[in-house]
């Protein structure tokens, strides 16, 4: 389903960022599996709000990417996955961290530069 690939993109954009491939510690397949629970929300399902497992996945992804290079790799995984699926609701993607009680210092957008996203999520 197209929206399943879109969800991982949004989460990765939130978590980190940058050019290049994933590091050995961060695998794109893992990132996509962790993002799957957020897919209905990120795809714009009416009345949908992020729920426990989606928000928990954000924390897991954050722990998977302790270093800036790891966060960049995660972001790139998401961007690669979402490139073929333009149905992502970026207003929801931008709101996801706050909806899960997290704080980020950048704006999530389809054209964001992952190299600029190197900070961890804050609770």
PDB file of N, CA and C in Angstrom:
ATOM      1  N   UNK A   1       0.850  -1.176   0.000  1.00  0.00           N
ATOM      2  CA  UNK A   1       0.000   0.000   0.000  1.00  0.00           C
ATOM      3  C   UNK A   1       0.894   1.236   0.000  1.00  0.00           C
ATOM      4  N   UNK A   2       0.614   2.216  -0.786  1.00  0.00           N
ATOM      5  CA  UNK A   2       1.447   3.405  -0.935  1.00  0.00           C
ATOM      6  C   UNK A   2       1.597   4.147   0.383  1.00  0.00           C
ATOM      7  N   UNK A   3       0.545   4.253   1.159  1.00  0.00           N
ATOM      8  CA  UNK A   3       0.628   5.012   2.400  1.00  0.00           C
ATOM      9  C   UNK A   3       1.525   4.343   3.425  1.00  0.00           C
ATOM     10  N   UNK A   4       1.755   3.046   3.331  1.00  0.00           N
ATOM     11  CA  UNK A   4       2.651   2.380   4.272  1.00  0.00           C
ATOM     12  C   UNK A   4       4.083   2.850   4.047  1.00  0.00           C
ATOM     13  N   UNK A   5       4.450   3.111   2.823  1.00  0.00           N
ATOM     14  CA  UNK A   5       5.806   3.573   2.547  1.00  0.00           C
ATOM     15  C   UNK A   5       5.950   5.034   2.919  1.00  0.00           C
ATOM     16  N   UNK A   6       4.885   5.777   2.906  1.00  0.00           N
ATOM     17  CA  UNK A   6       4.907   7.195   3.219  1.00  0.00           C
ATOM     18  C   UNK A   6       5.133   7.422   4.706  1.00  0.00           C
ATOM     19  N   UNK A   7       4.529   6.637   5.534  1.00  0.00           N
ATOM     20  CA  UNK A   7       4.659   6.807   6.977  1.00  0.00           C
ATOM     21  C   UNK A   7       6.110   6.741   7.413  1.00  0.00           C
ATOM     22  N   UNK A   8       6.868   5.791   6.921  1.00  0.00           N
ATOM     23  CA  UNK A   8       8.264   5.729   7.344  1.00  0.00           C
ATOM     24  C   UNK A   8       9.006   6.993   6.963  1.00  0.00           C
ATOM     25  N   UNK A   9       8.666   7.574   5.845  1.00  0.00           N
ATOM     26  CA  UNK A   9       9.355   8.771   5.401  1.00  0.00           C
ATOM     27  C   UNK A   9       9.155   9.883   6.395  1.00  0.00           C
ATOM     28  N   UNK A  10       7.968  10.081   6.832  1.00  0.00           N
ATOM     29  CA  UNK A  10       7.686  11.169   7.750  1.00  0.00           C
ATOM     30  C   UNK A  10       8.405  10.997   9.060  1.00  0.00           C
ATOM     31  N   UNK A  11       8.400   9.818   9.575  1.00  0.00           N
ATOM     32  CA  UNK A  11       9.047   9.601  10.860  1.00  0.00           C
ATOM     33  C   UNK A  11      10.534   9.841  10.738  1.00  0.00           C
ATOM     34  N   UNK A  12      11.103   9.366   9.710  1.00  0.00           N
ATOM     35  CA  UNK A  12      12.533   9.528   9.547  1.00  0.00           C
ATOM     36  C   UNK A  12      12.877  10.992   9.429  1.00  0.00           C
ATOM     37  N   UNK A  13      12.073  11.734   8.720  1.00  0.00           N
ATOM     38  CA  UNK A  13      12.329  13.162   8.599  1.00  0.00           C
ATOM     39  C   UNK A  13      12.328  13.814   9.961  1.00  0.00           C
ATOM     40  N   UNK A  14      11.440  13.368  10.826  1.00  0.00           N
ATOM     41  CA  UNK A  14      11.362  13.950  12.153  1.00  0.00           C
ATOM     42  C   UNK A  14      12.552  13.574  12.998  1.00  0.00           C
ATOM     43  N   UNK A  15      13.016  12.386  12.840  1.00  0.00           N
ATOM     44  CA  UNK A  15      14.056  11.899  13.723  1.00  0.00           C
ATOM     45  C   UNK A  15      15.442  12.376  13.383  1.00  0.00           C
ATOM     46  N   UNK A  16      15.702  12.657  12.150  1.00  0.00           N
ATOM     47  CA  UNK A  16      17.048  13.015  11.875  1.00  0.00           C
ATOM     48  C   UNK A  16      17.252  13.498  10.512  1.00  0.00           C
ATOM     49  N   UNK A  17      18.319  12.939   9.826  1.00  0.00           N
ATOM     50  CA  UNK A  17      18.448  13.569   8.598  1.00  0.00           C
ATOM     51  C   UNK A  17      19.742  13.462   7.892  1.00  0.00           C
ATOM     52  N   UNK A  18      19.732  13.499   6.602  1.00  0.00           N
ATOM     53  CA  UNK A  18      20.890  13.844   5.861  1.00  0.00           C
ATOM     54  C   UNK A  18      21.102  13.064   4.616  1.00  0.00           C
ATOM     55  N   UNK A  19      22.140  13.425   3.933  1.00  0.00           N
ATOM     56  CA  UNK A  19      22.427  12.784   2.678  1.00  0.00           C
ATOM     57  C   UNK A  19      23.210  11.518   2.916  1.00  0.00           C
ATOM     58  N   UNK A  20      23.176  10.637   1.952  1.00  0.00           N
ATOM     59  CA  UNK A  20      23.929   9.413   2.098  1.00  0.00           C
ATOM     60  C   UNK A  20      23.036   8.284   2.524  1.00  0.00           C
ATOM     61  N   UNK A  21      23.630   7.110   2.638  1.00  0.00           N
ATOM     62  CA  UNK A  21      22.856   5.938   3.004  1.00  0.00           C
ATOM     63  C   UNK A  21      22.840   5.721   4.495  1.00  0.00           C
ATOM     64  N   UNK A  22      22.135   4.705   4.888  1.00  0.00           N
ATOM     65  CA  UNK A  22      22.023   4.384   6.307  1.00  0.00           C
ATOM     66  C   UNK A  22      23.343   3.820   6.818  1.00  0.00           C
ATOM     67  N   UNK A  23      23.638   4.079   8.073  1.00  0.00           N
ATOM     68  CA  UNK A  23      24.843   3.521   8.672  1.00  0.00           C
ATOM     69  C   UNK A  23      24.603   2.038   8.939  1.00  0.00           C
ATOM     70  N   UNK A  24      25.662   1.351   9.340  1.00  0.00           N
ATOM     71  CA  UNK A  24      25.523  -0.068   9.614  1.00  0.00           C
ATOM     72  C   UNK A  24      24.540  -0.301  10.754  1.00  0.00           C
ATOM     73  N   UNK A  25      24.457   0.634  11.687  1.00  0.00           N
ATOM     74  CA  UNK A  25      23.583   0.474  12.839  1.00  0.00           C
ATOM     75  C   UNK A  25      22.121   0.729  12.489  1.00  0.00           C
ATOM     76  N   UNK A  26      21.848   1.537  11.484  1.00  0.00           N
ATOM     77  CA  UNK A  26      20.487   1.895  11.119  1.00  0.00           C
ATOM     78  C   UNK A  26      20.160   1.279   9.764  1.00  0.00           C
ATOM     79  N   UNK A  27      19.186   0.394   9.745  1.00  0.00           N
ATOM     80  CA  UNK A  27      18.770  -0.268   8.524  1.00  0.00           C
ATOM     81  C   UNK A  27      17.412   0.289   8.093  1.00  0.00           C
ATOM     82  N   UNK A  28      17.270   0.617   6.817  1.00  0.00           N
ATOM     83  CA  UNK A  28      16.021   1.195   6.333  1.00  0.00           C
ATOM     84  C   UNK A  28      14.825   0.270   6.563  1.00  0.00           C
ATOM     85  N   UNK A  29      15.030  -1.019   6.477  1.00  0.00           N
ATOM     86  CA  UNK A  29      13.933  -1.958   6.724  1.00  0.00           C
ATOM     87  C   UNK A  29      13.410  -1.844   8.150  1.00  0.00           C
ATOM     88  N   UNK A  30      14.307  -1.665   9.109  1.00  0.00           N
ATOM     89  CA  UNK A  30      13.910  -1.497  10.511  1.00  0.00           C
ATOM     90  C   UNK A  30      13.121  -0.208  10.689  1.00  0.00           C
ATOM     91  N   UNK A  31      13.580   0.842  10.051  1.00  0.00           N
ATOM     92  CA  UNK A  31      12.916   2.140  10.152  1.00  0.00           C
ATOM     93  C   UNK A  31      11.491   2.028   9.622  1.00  0.00           C
ATOM     94  N   UNK A  32      11.324   1.368   8.478  1.00  0.00           N
ATOM     95  CA  UNK A  32      10.004   1.231   7.880  1.00  0.00           C
ATOM     96  C   UNK A  32       9.074   0.410   8.764  1.00  0.00           C
ATOM     97  N   UNK A  33       9.590  -0.641   9.389  1.00  0.00           N
ATOM     98  CA  UNK A  33       8.768  -1.449  10.283  1.00  0.00           C
ATOM     99  C   UNK A  33       8.310  -0.636  11.482  1.00  0.00           C
ATOM    100  N   UNK A  34       9.189   0.186  12.021  1.00  0.00           N
ATOM    101  CA  UNK A  34       8.838   0.998  13.173  1.00  0.00           C
ATOM    102  C   UNK A  34       7.831   2.093  12.812  1.00  0.00           C
ATOM    103  N   UNK A  35       7.869   2.564  11.591  1.00  0.00           N
ATOM    104  CA  UNK A  35       6.962   3.623  11.161  1.00  0.00           C
ATOM    105  C   UNK A  35       5.580   3.113  10.766  1.00  0.00           C
ATOM    106  N   UNK A  36       5.462   1.847  10.464  1.00  0.00           N
ATOM    107  CA  UNK A  36       4.185   1.295   9.997  1.00  0.00           C
ATOM    108  C   UNK A  36       2.994   1.652  10.893  1.00  0.00           C
ATOM    109  N   UNK A  37       3.117   1.637  12.226  1.00  0.00           N
ATOM    110  CA  UNK A  37       1.961   1.978  13.062  1.00  0.00           C
ATOM    111  C   UNK A  37       1.489   3.428  12.899  1.00  0.00           C
ATOM    112  N   UNK A  38       2.350   4.299  12.392  1.00  0.00           N
ATOM    113  CA  UNK A  38       1.985   5.707  12.202  1.00  0.00           C
ATOM    114  C   UNK A  38       1.339   5.949  10.837  1.00  0.00           C
ATOM    115  N   UNK A  39       1.365   4.951   9.976  1.00  0.00           N
ATOM    116  CA  UNK A  39       0.915   5.095   8.596  1.00  0.00           C
ATOM    117  C   UNK A  39      -0.490   5.648   8.446  1.00  0.00           C
ATOM    118  N   UNK A  40      -1.492   5.140   9.150  1.00  0.00           N
ATOM    119  CA  UNK A  40      -2.836   5.696   8.940  1.00  0.00           C
ATOM    120  C   UNK A  40      -2.916   7.186   9.264  1.00  0.00           C
ATOM    121  N   UNK A  41      -2.268   7.589  10.326  1.00  0.00           N
ATOM    122  CA  UNK A  41      -2.268   9.005  10.711  1.00  0.00           C
ATOM    123  C   UNK A  41      -1.551   9.845   9.654  1.00  0.00           C
ATOM    124  N   UNK A  42      -0.364   9.418   9.245  1.00  0.00           N
ATOM    125  CA  UNK A  42       0.428  10.177   8.292  1.00  0.00           C
ATOM    126  C   UNK A  42      -0.194  10.226   6.909  1.00  0.00           C
ATOM    127  N   UNK A  43      -0.980   9.235   6.576  1.00  0.00           N
ATOM    128  CA  UNK A  43      -1.640   9.199   5.269  1.00  0.00           C
ATOM    129  C   UNK A  43      -2.918  10.032   5.256  1.00  0.00           C
ATOM    130  N   UNK A  44      -3.274  10.615   6.389  1.00  0.00           N
ATOM    131  CA  UNK A  44      -4.427  11.505   6.428  1.00  0.00           C
ATOM    132  C   UNK A  44      -5.753  10.846   6.717  1.00  0.00           C
ATOM    133  N   UNK A  45      -5.746   9.669   7.331  1.00  0.00           N
ATOM    134  CA  UNK A  45      -7.003   8.994   7.656  1.00  0.00           C
ATOM    135  C   UNK A  45      -7.874   9.930   8.497  1.00  0.00           C
ATOM    136  N   UNK A  46      -9.120  10.141   8.098  1.00  0.00           N
ATOM    137  CA  UNK A  46     -10.008  11.054   8.827  1.00  0.00           C
ATOM    138  C   UNK A  46     -10.196  10.634  10.285  1.00  0.00           C
ATOM    139  N   UNK A  47     -10.091  11.604  11.172  1.00  0.00           N
ATOM    140  CA  UNK A  47     -10.322  11.352  12.589  1.00  0.00           C
ATOM    141  C   UNK A  47      -9.230  10.568  13.287  1.00  0.00           C
ATOM    142  N   UNK A  48      -8.168  10.226  12.588  1.00  0.00           N
ATOM    143  CA  UNK A  48      -7.086   9.416  13.156  1.00  0.00           C
ATOM    144  C   UNK A  48      -6.142  10.298  13.962  1.00  0.00           C
ATOM    145  N   UNK A  49      -5.732   9.813  15.107  1.00  0.00           N
ATOM    146  CA  UNK A  49      -4.709  10.476  15.907  1.00  0.00           C
ATOM    147  C   UNK A  49      -3.611   9.468  16.192  1.00  0.00           C
ATOM    148  N   UNK A  50      -2.396   9.952  16.442  1.00  0.00           N
ATOM    149  CA  UNK A  50      -1.322   9.005  16.753  1.00  0.00           C
ATOM    150  C   UNK A  50      -1.662   8.267  18.047  1.00  0.00           C
ATOM    151  N   UNK A  51      -1.283   7.042  18.134  1.00  0.00           N
ATOM    152  CA  UNK A  51      -1.588   6.243  19.309  1.00  0.00           C
ATOM    153  C   UNK A  51      -0.308   5.631  19.855  1.00  0.00           C
ATOM    154  N   UNK A  52      -0.420   4.939  20.975  1.00  0.00           N
ATOM    155  CA  UNK A  52       0.718   4.409  21.712  1.00  0.00           C
ATOM    156  C   UNK A  52       1.841   3.814  20.910  1.00  0.00           C
ATOM    157  N   UNK A  53       1.554   2.813  20.088  1.00  0.00           N
ATOM    158  CA  UNK A  53       2.641   2.130  19.389  1.00  0.00           C
ATOM    159  C   UNK A  53       3.317   3.047  18.376  1.00  0.00           C
ATOM    160  N   UNK A  54       2.566   3.943  17.766  1.00  0.00           N
ATOM    161  CA  UNK A  54       3.159   4.916  16.844  1.00  0.00           C
ATOM    162  C   UNK A  54       4.124   5.815  17.609  1.00  0.00           C
ATOM    163  N   UNK A  55       3.668   6.373  18.694  1.00  0.00           N
ATOM    164  CA  UNK A  55       4.517   7.264  19.494  1.00  0.00           C
ATOM    165  C   UNK A  55       5.694   6.512  20.099  1.00  0.00           C
ATOM    166  N   UNK A  56       5.468   5.285  20.526  1.00  0.00           N
ATOM    167  CA  UNK A  56       6.556   4.473  21.063  1.00  0.00           C
ATOM    168  C   UNK A  56       7.625   4.249  19.997  1.00  0.00           C
ATOM    169  N   UNK A  57       7.207   4.091  18.749  1.00  0.00           N
ATOM    170  CA  UNK A  57       8.143   3.880  17.644  1.00  0.00           C
ATOM    171  C   UNK A  57       9.067   5.071  17.459  1.00  0.00           C
ATOM    172  N   UNK A  58       8.547   6.278  17.687  1.00  0.00           N
ATOM    173  CA  UNK A  58       9.394   7.468  17.580  1.00  0.00           C
ATOM    174  C   UNK A  58      10.534   7.389  18.589  1.00  0.00           C
ATOM    175  N   UNK A  59      10.221   6.961  19.796  1.00  0.00           N
ATOM    176  CA  UNK A  59      11.249   6.823  20.822  1.00  0.00           C
ATOM    177  C   UNK A  59      12.271   5.761  20.465  1.00  0.00           C
ATOM    178  N   UNK A  60      11.801   4.644  19.914  1.00  0.00           N
ATOM    179  CA  UNK A  60      12.714   3.571  19.509  1.00  0.00           C
ATOM    180  C   UNK A  60      13.640   4.061  18.404  1.00  0.00           C
ATOM    181  N   UNK A  61      13.070   4.758  17.424  1.00  0.00           N
ATOM    182  CA  UNK A  61      13.902   5.283  16.336  1.00  0.00           C
ATOM    183  C   UNK A  61      14.924   6.279  16.872  1.00  0.00           C
ATOM    184  N   UNK A  62      14.521   7.093  17.802  1.00  0.00           N
ATOM    185  CA  UNK A  62      15.450   8.061  18.386  1.00  0.00           C
ATOM    186  C   UNK A  62      16.604   7.346  19.079  1.00  0.00           C
ATOM    187  N   UNK A  63      16.305   6.261  19.797  1.00  0.00           N
ATOM    188  CA  UNK A  63      17.362   5.497  20.470  1.00  0.00           C
ATOM    189  C   UNK A  63      18.244   4.746  19.479  1.00  0.00           C
ATOM    190  N   UNK A  64      17.679   4.381  18.321  1.00  0.00           N
ATOM    191  CA  UNK A  64      18.460   3.696  17.288  1.00  0.00           C
ATOM    192  C   UNK A  64      19.483   4.626  16.650  1.00  0.00           C
ATOM    193  N   UNK A  65      19.268   5.926  16.788  1.00  0.00           N
ATOM    194  CA  UNK A  65      20.113   6.906  16.115  1.00  0.00           C
ATOM    195  C   UNK A  65      20.723   7.876  17.129  1.00  0.00           C
ATOM    196  N   UNK A  66      21.668   7.391  17.945  1.00  0.00           N
ATOM    197  CA  UNK A  66      22.243   8.244  18.984  1.00  0.00           C
ATOM    198  C   UNK A  66      23.163   9.341  18.453  1.00  0.00           C
ATOM    199  N   UNK A  67      23.767   9.123  17.309  1.00  0.00           N
ATOM    200  CA  UNK A  67      24.710  10.090  16.749  1.00  0.00           C
ATOM    201  C   UNK A  67      24.075  10.847  15.584  1.00  0.00           C
ATOM    202  N   UNK A  68      24.546  12.073  15.336  1.00  0.00           N
ATOM    203  CA  UNK A  68      23.996  12.842  14.210  1.00  0.00           C
ATOM    204  C   UNK A  68      24.028  12.082  12.884  1.00  0.00           C
ATOM    205  N   UNK A  69      25.099  11.346  12.607  1.00  0.00           N
ATOM    206  CA  UNK A  69      25.183  10.602  11.347  1.00  0.00           C
ATOM    207  C   UNK A  69      24.092   9.533  11.264  1.00  0.00           C
ATOM    208  N   UNK A  70      23.767   8.922  12.393  1.00  0.00           N
ATOM    209  CA  UNK A  70      22.700   7.924  12.422  1.00  0.00           C
ATOM    210  C   UNK A  70      21.354   8.574  12.130  1.00  0.00           C
ATOM    211  N   UNK A  71      21.113   9.755  12.713  1.00  0.00           N
ATOM    212  CA  UNK A  71      19.848  10.450  12.500  1.00  0.00           C
ATOM    213  C   UNK A  71      19.697  10.880  11.041  1.00  0.00           C
ATOM    214  N   UNK A  72      20.818  11.242  10.439  1.00  0.00           N
ATOM    215  CA  UNK A  72      20.808  11.600   9.024  1.00  0.00           C
ATOM    216  C   UNK A  72      20.448  10.368   8.196  1.00  0.00           C
ATOM    217  N   UNK A  73      21.004   9.228   8.561  1.00  0.00           N
ATOM    218  CA  UNK A  73      20.718   7.990   7.844  1.00  0.00           C
ATOM    219  C   UNK A  73      19.238   7.634   7.943  1.00  0.00           C
ATOM    220  N   UNK A  74      18.653   7.791   9.132  1.00  0.00           N
ATOM    221  CA  UNK A  74      17.238   7.500   9.329  1.00  0.00           C
ATOM    222  C   UNK A  74      16.397   8.419   8.439  1.00  0.00           C
ATOM    223  N   UNK A  75      16.723   9.692   8.442  1.00  0.00           N
ATOM    224  CA  UNK A  75      15.995  10.660   7.626  1.00  0.00           C
ATOM    225  C   UNK A  75      16.056  10.260   6.158  1.00  0.00           C
ATOM    226  N   UNK A  76      17.229   9.865   5.705  1.00  0.00           N
ATOM    227  CA  UNK A  76      17.378   9.468   4.307  1.00  0.00           C
ATOM    228  C   UNK A  76      16.565   8.230   3.972  1.00  0.00           C
ATOM    229  N   UNK A  77      16.481   7.293   4.908  1.00  0.00           N
ATOM    230  CA  UNK A  77      15.643   6.107   4.676  1.00  0.00           C
ATOM    231  C   UNK A  77      14.202   6.531   4.430  1.00  0.00           C
ATOM    232  N   UNK A  78      13.715   7.432   5.256  1.00  0.00           N
ATOM    233  CA  UNK A  78      12.335   7.893   5.131  1.00  0.00           C
ATOM    234  C   UNK A  78      12.129   8.651   3.833  1.00  0.00           C
ATOM    235  N   UNK A  79      13.057   9.529   3.503  1.00  0.00           N
ATOM    236  CA  UNK A  79      12.924  10.304   2.268  1.00  0.00           C
ATOM    237  C   UNK A  79      12.920   9.385   1.062  1.00  0.00           C
ATOM    238  N   UNK A  80      13.791   8.382   1.055  1.00  0.00           N
ATOM    239  CA  UNK A  80      13.836   7.438  -0.063  1.00  0.00           C
ATOM    240  C   UNK A  80      12.516   6.696  -0.205  1.00  0.00           C
ATOM    241  N   UNK A  81      11.960   6.263   0.911  1.00  0.00           N
ATOM    242  CA  UNK A  81      10.705   5.514   0.880  1.00  0.00           C
ATOM    243  C   UNK A  81       9.549   6.388   0.417  1.00  0.00           C
ATOM    244  N   UNK A  82       9.534   7.631   0.833  1.00  0.00           N
ATOM    245  CA  UNK A  82       8.417   8.526   0.527  1.00  0.00           C
ATOM    246  C   UNK A  82       8.504   9.139  -0.854  1.00  0.00           C
ATOM    247  N   UNK A  83       9.665   9.103  -1.461  1.00  0.00           N
ATOM    248  CA  UNK A  83       9.840   9.744  -2.763  1.00  0.00           C
ATOM    249  C   UNK A  83       8.815   9.286  -3.788  1.00  0.00           C
ATOM    250  N   UNK A  84       8.448   8.035  -3.742  1.00  0.00           N
ATOM    251  CA  UNK A  84       7.486   7.509  -4.699  1.00  0.00           C
ATOM    252  C   UNK A  84       6.041   7.598  -4.245  1.00  0.00           C
ATOM    253  N   UNK A  85       5.799   8.173  -3.078  1.00  0.00           N
ATOM    254  CA  UNK A  85       4.454   8.242  -2.525  1.00  0.00           C
ATOM    255  C   UNK A  85       4.131   9.654  -2.046  1.00  0.00           C
ATOM    256  N   UNK A  86       3.627  10.493  -2.944  1.00  0.00           N
ATOM    257  CA  UNK A  86       3.365  11.897  -2.593  1.00  0.00           C
ATOM    258  C   UNK A  86       2.125  12.124  -1.728  1.00  0.00           C
ATOM    259  N   UNK A  87       1.487  11.075  -1.241  1.00  0.00           N
ATOM    260  CA  UNK A  87       0.249  11.228  -0.468  1.00  0.00           C
ATOM    261  C   UNK A  87       0.455  11.558   1.006  1.00  0.00           C
ATOM    262  N   UNK A  88       1.677  11.766   1.435  1.00  0.00           N
ATOM    263  CA  UNK A  88       1.935  12.072   2.845  1.00  0.00           C
ATOM    264  C   UNK A  88       1.346  13.433   3.186  1.00  0.00           C
ATOM    265  N   UNK A  89       0.668  13.492   4.300  1.00  0.00           N
ATOM    266  CA  UNK A  89       0.105  14.742   4.801  1.00  0.00           C
ATOM    267  C   UNK A  89       1.180  15.386   5.684  1.00  0.00           C
ATOM    268  N   UNK A  90       1.907  16.356   5.122  1.00  0.00           N
ATOM    269  CA  UNK A  90       3.028  16.943   5.844  1.00  0.00           C
ATOM    270  C   UNK A  90       2.606  17.811   7.019  1.00  0.00           C
ATOM    271  N   UNK A  91       1.374  18.287   7.027  1.00  0.00           N
ATOM    272  CA  UNK A  91       0.933  19.012   8.216  1.00  0.00           C
ATOM    273  C   UNK A  91       0.801  18.029   9.378  1.00  0.00           C
ATOM    274  N   UNK A  92       0.335  16.819   9.087  1.00  0.00           N
ATOM    275  CA  UNK A  92       0.267  15.788  10.132  1.00  0.00           C
ATOM    276  C   UNK A  92       1.666  15.333  10.524  1.00  0.00           C
ATOM    277  N   UNK A  93       2.543  15.206   9.556  1.00  0.00           N
ATOM    278  CA  UNK A  93       3.910  14.789   9.854  1.00  0.00           C
ATOM    279  C   UNK A  93       4.580  15.796  10.784  1.00  0.00           C
ATOM    280  N   UNK A  94       4.362  17.075  10.516  1.00  0.00           N
ATOM    281  CA  UNK A  94       4.948  18.116  11.356  1.00  0.00           C
ATOM    282  C   UNK A  94       4.364  18.099  12.761  1.00  0.00           C
ATOM    283  N   UNK A  95       3.097  17.712  12.876  1.00  0.00           N
ATOM    284  CA  UNK A  95       2.425  17.693  14.174  1.00  0.00           C
ATOM    285  C   UNK A  95       2.690  16.414  14.972  1.00  0.00           C
ATOM    286  N   UNK A  96       3.192  15.385  14.328  1.00  0.00           N
ATOM    287  CA  UNK A  96       3.365  14.087  14.990  1.00  0.00           C
ATOM    288  C   UNK A  96       4.244  14.136  16.237  1.00  0.00           C
ATOM    289  N   UNK A  97       5.413  14.752  16.198  1.00  0.00           N
ATOM    290  CA  UNK A  97       6.225  14.758  17.430  1.00  0.00           C
ATOM    291  C   UNK A  97       5.483  15.374  18.610  1.00  0.00           C
ATOM    292  N   UNK A  98       4.865  16.524  18.413  1.00  0.00           N
ATOM    293  CA  UNK A  98       4.144  17.182  19.515  1.00  0.00           C
ATOM    294  C   UNK A  98       2.969  16.332  19.979  1.00  0.00           C
ATOM    295  N   UNK A  99       2.287  15.674  19.048  1.00  0.00           N
ATOM    296  CA  UNK A  99       1.154  14.820  19.409  1.00  0.00           C
ATOM    297  C   UNK A  99       1.608  13.646  20.279  1.00  0.00           C
ATOM    298  N   UNK A 100       2.864  13.287  20.141  1.00  0.00           N
ATOM    299  CA  UNK A 100       3.427  12.191  20.927  1.00  0.00           C
ATOM    300  C   UNK A 100       4.204  12.701  22.139  1.00  0.00           C
ATOM    301  N   UNK A 101       4.122  13.998  22.404  1.00  0.00           N
ATOM    302  CA  UNK A 101       4.793  14.557  23.571  1.00  0.00           C
ATOM    303  C   UNK A 101       6.275  14.789  23.379  1.00  0.00           C
ATOM    304  N   UNK A 102       6.727  14.903  22.132  1.00  0.00           N
ATOM    305  CA  UNK A 102       8.136  15.118  21.831  1.00  0.00           C
ATOM    306  C   UNK A 102       8.332  16.502  21.231  1.00  0.00           C
ATOM    307  N   UNK A 103       9.561  16.971  21.237  1.00  0.00           N
ATOM    308  CA  UNK A 103       9.882  18.282  20.699  1.00  0.00           C
ATOM    309  C   UNK A 103      11.031  18.157  19.709  1.00  0.00           C
ATOM    310  N   UNK A 104      10.896  18.815  18.557  1.00  0.00           N
ATOM    311  CA  UNK A 104      11.982  18.857  17.584  1.00  0.00           C
ATOM    312  C   UNK A 104      12.238  20.311  17.237  1.00  0.00           C
ATOM    313  N   UNK A 105      13.435  20.601  16.738  1.00  0.00           N
ATOM    314  CA  UNK A 105      13.825  21.981  16.458  1.00  0.00           C
ATOM    315  C   UNK A 105      13.843  22.299  14.971  1.00  0.00           C
ATOM    316  N   UNK A 106      13.121  21.539  14.164  1.00  0.00           N
ATOM    317  CA  UNK A 106      13.100  21.768  12.723  1.00  0.00           C
ATOM    318  C   UNK A 106      11.709  21.512  12.192  1.00  0.00           C
ATOM    319  N   UNK A 107      11.458  21.992  10.990  1.00  0.00           N
ATOM    320  CA  UNK A 107      10.153  21.809  10.357  1.00  0.00           C
ATOM    321  C   UNK A 107      10.216  20.642   9.385  1.00  0.00           C
ATOM    322  N   UNK A 108       9.253  19.769   9.473  1.00  0.00           N
ATOM    323  CA  UNK A 108       9.191  18.626   8.570  1.00  0.00           C
ATOM    324  C   UNK A 108       8.519  19.076   7.284  1.00  0.00           C
ATOM    325  N   UNK A 109       9.199  18.879   6.171  1.00  0.00           N
ATOM    326  CA  UNK A 109       8.685  19.297   4.877  1.00  0.00           C
ATOM    327  C   UNK A 109       9.206  18.337   3.808  1.00  0.00           C
ATOM    328  N   UNK A 110       8.501  18.238   2.682  1.00  0.00           N
ATOM    329  CA  UNK A 110       8.920  17.294   1.646  1.00  0.00           C
ATOM    330  C   UNK A 110      10.294  17.604   1.059  1.00  0.00           C
ATOM    331  N   UNK A 111      10.718  18.852   1.129  1.00  0.00           N
ATOM    332  CA  UNK A 111      12.008  19.230   0.540  1.00  0.00           C
ATOM    333  C   UNK A 111      13.076  19.524   1.585  1.00  0.00           C
ATOM    334  N   UNK A 112      12.873  19.048   2.814  1.00  0.00           N
ATOM    335  CA  UNK A 112      13.849  19.344   3.852  1.00  0.00           C
ATOM    336  C   UNK A 112      15.190  18.688   3.560  1.00  0.00           C
ATOM    337  N   UNK A 113      16.236  19.303   4.063  1.00  0.00           N
ATOM    338  CA  UNK A 113      17.601  18.815   3.887  1.00  0.00           C
ATOM    339  C   UNK A 113      17.956  17.988   5.118  1.00  0.00           C
ATOM    340  N   UNK A 114      18.025  16.695   4.957  1.00  0.00           N
ATOM    341  CA  UNK A 114      18.320  15.815   6.093  1.00  0.00           C
ATOM    342  C   UNK A 114      19.643  16.152   6.758  1.00  0.00           C
ATOM    343  N   UNK A 115      20.566  16.727   6.036  1.00  0.00           N
ATOM    344  CA  UNK A 115      21.851  17.090   6.624  1.00  0.00           C
ATOM    345  C   UNK A 115      21.713  18.168   7.691  1.00  0.00           C
ATOM    346  N   UNK A 116      20.593  18.867   7.698  1.00  0.00           N
ATOM    347  CA  UNK A 116      20.367  19.925   8.676  1.00  0.00           C
ATOM    348  C   UNK A 116      19.661  19.416   9.931  1.00  0.00           C
ATOM    349  N   UNK A 117      19.247  18.161   9.931  1.00  0.00           N
ATOM    350  CA  UNK A 117      18.477  17.603  11.042  1.00  0.00           C
ATOM    351  C   UNK A 117      19.356  16.637  11.814  1.00  0.00           C
ATOM    352  N   UNK A 118      19.971  17.136  12.864  1.00  0.00           N
ATOM    353  CA  UNK A 118      20.925  16.296  13.600  1.00  0.00           C
ATOM    354  C   UNK A 118      20.634  16.213  15.087  1.00  0.00           C
ATOM    355  N   UNK A 119      19.620  16.922  15.562  1.00  0.00           N
ATOM    356  CA  UNK A 119      19.304  16.900  16.997  1.00  0.00           C
ATOM    357  C   UNK A 119      18.391  15.752  17.352  1.00  0.00           C
ATOM    358  N   UNK A 120      18.524  15.262  18.592  1.00  0.00           N
ATOM    359  CA  UNK A 120      17.641  14.225  19.091  1.00  0.00           C
ATOM    360  C   UNK A 120      16.286  14.822  19.417  1.00  0.00           C
ATOM    361  N   UNK A 121      15.263  13.960  19.427  1.00  0.00           N
ATOM    362  CA  UNK A 121      13.954  14.379  19.891  1.00  0.00           C
ATOM    363  C   UNK A 121      14.047  14.627  21.392  1.00  0.00           C
ATOM    364  N   UNK A 122      13.292  15.586  21.887  1.00  0.00           N
ATOM    365  CA  UNK A 122      13.288  15.872  23.320  1.00  0.00           C
ATOM    366  C   UNK A 122      11.896  15.627  23.875  1.00  0.00           C
ATOM    367  N   UNK A 123      11.858  15.108  25.076  1.00  0.00           N
ATOM    368  CA  UNK A 123      10.573  14.861  25.725  1.00  0.00           C
ATOM    369  C   UNK A 123      10.264  16.005  26.648  1.00  0.00           C
TER     370      UNK A 123
END
